[in-house]
Amino acid sequence: MTGSLGRGRRTYRLTIGVTLTVLVILALSCLAWMVGGDDDPDPPVAAEPTVSPSPAPAAPELSWSPVGPRVVVPDVVGRNAAVAAQQLGALGFTNVLCTTPDDDDGFRPTAEWTVTGQLEAAGTTMTAGNGPFYLRCAPAR
């Protein structure tokens, strides 16, 4: 009987070894599945049909146009401020202002003032319009 008892222990050990090996393999498989997710990719999604856009109508070409015409600035130095303002107004400068060394804000030219300088040099081409055109003025003598 001693011989059969030894075989039983070997069979028992073999069974336990195989069982432990299978359990380890299953545990590793479960762990791999939990970490890596399932091996089946998501089912393919049908691509949405592509629609080629119809050609857009041509956009109008945008261009900037100045407020007024381009004019050559006249020399008004030495003239009466009211006369100079009228001359500049006839060219399209609608906002002519006089300044003095004491007043840089500007005021409307009157006959009591003489133009002693102008901010825009004579002969300069510029756009006439509503922007202020500054003249340096002094009291008339």
C-alpha atoms as a PDB file:
ATOM      1  CA  MET A   1       0.000   0.000   0.000  1.00  0.00           C
ATOM      2  CA  THR A   2       2.805   2.305   0.366  1.00  0.00           C
ATOM      3  CA  GLY A   3       3.175   2.523  -3.389  1.00  0.00           C
ATOM      4  CA  SER A   4      -0.363   3.528  -4.068  1.00  0.00           C
ATOM      5  CA  LEU A   5      -0.239   6.129  -1.371  1.00  0.00           C
ATOM      6  CA  GLY A   6       2.720   7.825  -3.089  1.00  0.00           C
ATOM      7  CA  ARG A   7       0.865   7.905  -6.357  1.00  0.00           C
ATOM      8  CA  GLY A   8      -2.103   9.569  -4.752  1.00  0.00           C
ATOM      9  CA  ARG A   9       0.040  12.329  -3.382  1.00  0.00           C
ATOM     10  CA  ARG A  10       1.649  12.902  -6.772  1.00  0.00           C
ATOM     11  CA  THR A  11      -1.726  13.039  -8.474  1.00  0.00           C
ATOM     12  CA  TYR A  12      -2.974  15.374  -5.781  1.00  0.00           C
ATOM     13  CA  ARG A  13       0.060  17.620  -6.207  1.00  0.00           C
ATOM     14  CA  LEU A  14      -0.317  17.559  -9.989  1.00  0.00           C
ATOM     15  CA  THR A  15      -3.992  18.478  -9.740  1.00  0.00           C
ATOM     16  CA  ILE A  16      -3.228  21.352  -7.374  1.00  0.00           C
ATOM     17  CA  GLY A  17      -0.410  22.588  -9.658  1.00  0.00           C
ATOM     18  CA  VAL A  18      -2.589  22.504 -12.767  1.00  0.00           C
ATOM     19  CA  THR A  19      -5.449  24.185 -10.925  1.00  0.00           C
ATOM     20  CA  LEU A  20      -3.173  26.963  -9.627  1.00  0.00           C
ATOM     21  CA  THR A  21      -1.690  27.472 -13.085  1.00  0.00           C
ATOM     22  CA  VAL A  22      -5.151  27.792 -14.625  1.00  0.00           C
ATOM     23  CA  LEU A  23      -6.229  30.223 -11.898  1.00  0.00           C
ATOM     24  CA  VAL A  24      -3.121  32.382 -12.434  1.00  0.00           C
ATOM     25  CA  ILE A  25      -3.740  32.444 -16.196  1.00  0.00           C
ATOM     26  CA  LEU A  26      -7.383  33.411 -15.645  1.00  0.00           C
ATOM     27  CA  ALA A  27      -6.437  36.101 -13.151  1.00  0.00           C
ATOM     28  CA  LEU A  28      -3.867  37.587 -15.544  1.00  0.00           C
ATOM     29  CA  SER A  29      -6.390  37.488 -18.393  1.00  0.00           C
ATOM     30  CA  CYS A  30      -8.984  39.296 -16.293  1.00  0.00           C
ATOM     31  CA  LEU A  31      -6.420  41.863 -15.223  1.00  0.00           C
ATOM     32  CA  ALA A  32      -5.349  42.453 -18.827  1.00  0.00           C
ATOM     33  CA  TRP A  33      -8.978  42.830 -19.882  1.00  0.00           C
ATOM     34  CA  MET A  34      -9.684  45.342 -17.084  1.00  0.00           C
ATOM     35  CA  VAL A  35      -6.607  47.415 -17.894  1.00  0.00           C
ATOM     36  CA  GLY A  36      -6.771  47.245 -21.671  1.00  0.00           C
ATOM     37  CA  GLY A  37     -10.491  47.098 -22.219  1.00  0.00           C
ATOM     38  CA  ASP A  38     -12.131  44.734 -24.595  1.00  0.00           C
ATOM     39  CA  ASP A  39     -10.361  43.612 -27.702  1.00  0.00           C
ATOM     40  CA  ASP A  40     -13.372  44.232 -29.912  1.00  0.00           C
ATOM     41  CA  PRO A  41     -13.199  47.630 -31.527  1.00  0.00           C
ATOM     42  CA  ASP A  42     -16.335  49.692 -31.668  1.00  0.00           C
ATOM     43  CA  PRO A  43     -18.470  48.799 -34.624  1.00  0.00           C
ATOM     44  CA  PRO A  44     -17.741  50.989 -37.611  1.00  0.00           C
ATOM     45  CA  VAL A  45     -19.954  54.019 -37.898  1.00  0.00           C
ATOM     46  CA  ALA A  46     -21.257  54.853 -41.306  1.00  0.00           C
ATOM     47  CA  ALA A  47     -19.632  58.008 -42.574  1.00  0.00           C
ATOM     48  CA  GLU A  48     -21.958  60.906 -43.110  1.00  0.00           C
ATOM     49  CA  PRO A  49     -22.347  61.806 -46.729  1.00  0.00           C
ATOM     50  CA  THR A  50     -20.256  64.763 -47.728  1.00  0.00           C
ATOM     51  CA  VAL A  51     -22.039  67.575 -49.418  1.00  0.00           C
ATOM     52  CA  SER A  52     -19.943  69.779 -51.595  1.00  0.00           C
ATOM     53  CA  PRO A  53     -20.926  73.379 -51.027  1.00  0.00           C
ATOM     54  CA  SER A  54     -22.284  75.270 -53.926  1.00  0.00           C
ATOM     55  CA  PRO A  55     -20.014  78.059 -55.032  1.00  0.00           C
ATOM     56  CA  ALA A  56     -20.683  81.198 -53.050  1.00  0.00           C
ATOM     57  CA  PRO A  57     -21.608  84.277 -54.983  1.00  0.00           C
ATOM     58  CA  ALA A  58     -18.678  86.563 -55.509  1.00  0.00           C
ATOM     59  CA  ALA A  59     -18.405  89.058 -52.682  1.00  0.00           C
ATOM     60  CA  PRO A  60     -18.425  92.655 -53.744  1.00  0.00           C
ATOM     61  CA  GLU A  61     -15.010  94.196 -53.646  1.00  0.00           C
ATOM     62  CA  LEU A  62     -14.790  96.516 -50.688  1.00  0.00           C
ATOM     63  CA  SER A  63     -12.870  99.693 -51.026  1.00  0.00           C
ATOM     64  CA  TRP A  64     -12.406 102.624 -48.726  1.00  0.00           C
ATOM     65  CA  SER A  65     -13.389 105.944 -50.132  1.00  0.00           C
ATOM     66  CA  PRO A  66     -12.311 109.129 -48.415  1.00  0.00           C
ATOM     67  CA  VAL A  67     -14.833 111.621 -47.097  1.00  0.00           C
ATOM     68  CA  GLY A  68     -14.022 114.173 -49.743  1.00  0.00           C
ATOM     69  CA  PRO A  69     -11.922 114.759 -52.838  1.00  0.00           C
ATOM     70  CA  ARG A  70      -8.119 114.923 -52.833  1.00  0.00           C
ATOM     71  CA  VAL A  71      -7.041 118.540 -53.084  1.00  0.00           C
ATOM     72  CA  VAL A  72      -3.813 120.522 -53.015  1.00  0.00           C
ATOM     73  CA  VAL A  73      -3.546 122.603 -49.842  1.00  0.00           C
ATOM     74  CA  PRO A  74      -3.171 126.323 -50.676  1.00  0.00           C
ATOM     75  CA  ASP A  75      -0.837 128.690 -48.879  1.00  0.00           C
ATOM     76  CA  VAL A  76      -3.043 130.855 -46.632  1.00  0.00           C
ATOM     77  CA  VAL A  77      -0.319 132.231 -44.323  1.00  0.00           C
ATOM     78  CA  GLY A  78      -0.598 136.033 -43.942  1.00  0.00           C
ATOM     79  CA  ARG A  79      -4.283 136.126 -44.853  1.00  0.00           C
ATOM     80  CA  ASN A  80      -7.197 137.135 -42.715  1.00  0.00           C
ATOM     81  CA  ALA A  81      -8.364 133.975 -40.840  1.00  0.00           C
ATOM     82  CA  ALA A  82     -12.008 134.378 -41.972  1.00  0.00           C
ATOM     83  CA  VAL A  83     -10.943 134.708 -45.639  1.00  0.00           C
ATOM     84  CA  ALA A  84      -8.583 131.701 -45.314  1.00  0.00           C
ATOM     85  CA  ALA A  85     -11.407 129.638 -43.782  1.00  0.00           C
ATOM     86  CA  GLN A  86     -13.686 130.535 -46.715  1.00  0.00           C
ATOM     87  CA  GLN A  87     -10.995 129.570 -49.244  1.00  0.00           C
ATOM     88  CA  LEU A  88     -10.376 126.246 -47.495  1.00  0.00           C
ATOM     89  CA  GLY A  89     -14.130 125.662 -47.187  1.00  0.00           C
ATOM     90  CA  ALA A  90     -14.528 126.106 -50.955  1.00  0.00           C
ATOM     91  CA  LEU A  91     -12.000 123.244 -51.391  1.00  0.00           C
ATOM     92  CA  GLY A  92     -14.029 120.965 -49.109  1.00  0.00           C
ATOM     93  CA  PHE A  93     -12.435 121.548 -45.691  1.00  0.00           C
ATOM     94  CA  THR A  94     -15.551 122.044 -43.596  1.00  0.00           C
ATOM     95  CA  ASN A  95     -13.940 122.181 -40.138  1.00  0.00           C
ATOM     96  CA  VAL A  96     -11.253 124.890 -40.161  1.00  0.00           C
ATOM     97  CA  LEU A  97      -9.945 125.871 -36.712  1.00  0.00           C
ATOM     98  CA  CYS A  98      -7.478 128.486 -35.450  1.00  0.00           C
ATOM     99  CA  THR A  99      -5.041 127.774 -32.642  1.00  0.00           C
ATOM    100  CA  THR A 100      -2.716 130.031 -30.703  1.00  0.00           C
ATOM    101  CA  PRO A 101       0.279 129.235 -28.525  1.00  0.00           C
ATOM    102  CA  ASP A 102      -2.036 129.732 -25.528  1.00  0.00           C
ATOM    103  CA  ASP A 103      -5.005 127.765 -26.937  1.00  0.00           C
ATOM    104  CA  ASP A 104      -4.326 124.424 -28.617  1.00  0.00           C
ATOM    105  CA  ASP A 105      -7.992 123.318 -28.646  1.00  0.00           C
ATOM    106  CA  GLY A 106      -8.909 125.533 -31.567  1.00  0.00           C
ATOM    107  CA  PHE A 107     -11.638 128.041 -32.319  1.00  0.00           C
ATOM    108  CA  ARG A 108     -13.540 129.249 -35.367  1.00  0.00           C
ATOM    109  CA  PRO A 109     -11.574 131.767 -37.445  1.00  0.00           C
ATOM    110  CA  THR A 110     -12.903 135.324 -37.446  1.00  0.00           C
ATOM    111  CA  ALA A 111     -11.852 138.586 -39.097  1.00  0.00           C
ATOM    112  CA  GLU A 112      -9.986 139.619 -35.915  1.00  0.00           C
ATOM    113  CA  TRP A 113      -7.310 136.982 -36.560  1.00  0.00           C
ATOM    114  CA  THR A 114      -4.502 136.587 -39.095  1.00  0.00           C
ATOM    115  CA  VAL A 115      -3.054 133.237 -40.188  1.00  0.00           C
ATOM    116  CA  THR A 116       0.594 132.928 -39.096  1.00  0.00           C
ATOM    117  CA  GLY A 117       1.056 129.260 -40.002  1.00  0.00           C
ATOM    118  CA  GLN A 118      -0.759 126.154 -41.068  1.00  0.00           C
ATOM    119  CA  LEU A 119      -0.414 122.576 -39.887  1.00  0.00           C
ATOM    120  CA  GLU A 120      -0.637 121.073 -43.376  1.00  0.00           C
ATOM    121  CA  ALA A 121       2.075 122.510 -45.592  1.00  0.00           C
ATOM    122  CA  ALA A 122       1.097 124.375 -48.731  1.00  0.00           C
ATOM    123  CA  GLY A 123       1.288 122.147 -51.804  1.00  0.00           C
ATOM    124  CA  THR A 124       0.442 118.988 -49.827  1.00  0.00           C
ATOM    125  CA  THR A 125      -2.216 116.797 -51.417  1.00  0.00           C
ATOM    126  CA  MET A 126      -4.768 115.560 -48.913  1.00  0.00           C
ATOM    127  CA  THR A 127      -8.372 114.503 -48.599  1.00  0.00           C
ATOM    128  CA  ALA A 128     -10.829 117.263 -47.886  1.00  0.00           C
ATOM    129  CA  GLY A 129     -13.561 116.504 -45.410  1.00  0.00           C
ATOM    130  CA  ASN A 130     -14.906 116.978 -41.927  1.00  0.00           C
ATOM    131  CA  GLY A 131     -11.636 116.493 -40.044  1.00  0.00           C
ATOM    132  CA  PRO A 132     -10.214 119.632 -38.498  1.00  0.00           C
ATOM    133  CA  PHE A 133      -7.825 121.703 -40.586  1.00  0.00           C
ATOM    134  CA  TYR A 134      -5.676 123.666 -38.129  1.00  0.00           C
ATOM    135  CA  LEU A 135      -4.342 127.144 -38.766  1.00  0.00           C
ATOM    136  CA  ARG A 136      -1.960 128.938 -36.413  1.00  0.00           C
ATOM    137  CA  CYS A 137      -3.497 132.368 -35.807  1.00  0.00           C
ATOM    138  CA  ALA A 138      -2.555 135.638 -34.138  1.00  0.00           C
ATOM    139  CA  PRO A 139      -4.602 138.773 -33.471  1.00  0.00           C
ATOM    140  CA  ALA A 140      -4.913 140.987 -36.562  1.00  0.00           C
ATOM    141  CA  ARG A 141      -2.952 144.273 -36.518  1.00  0.00           C
END
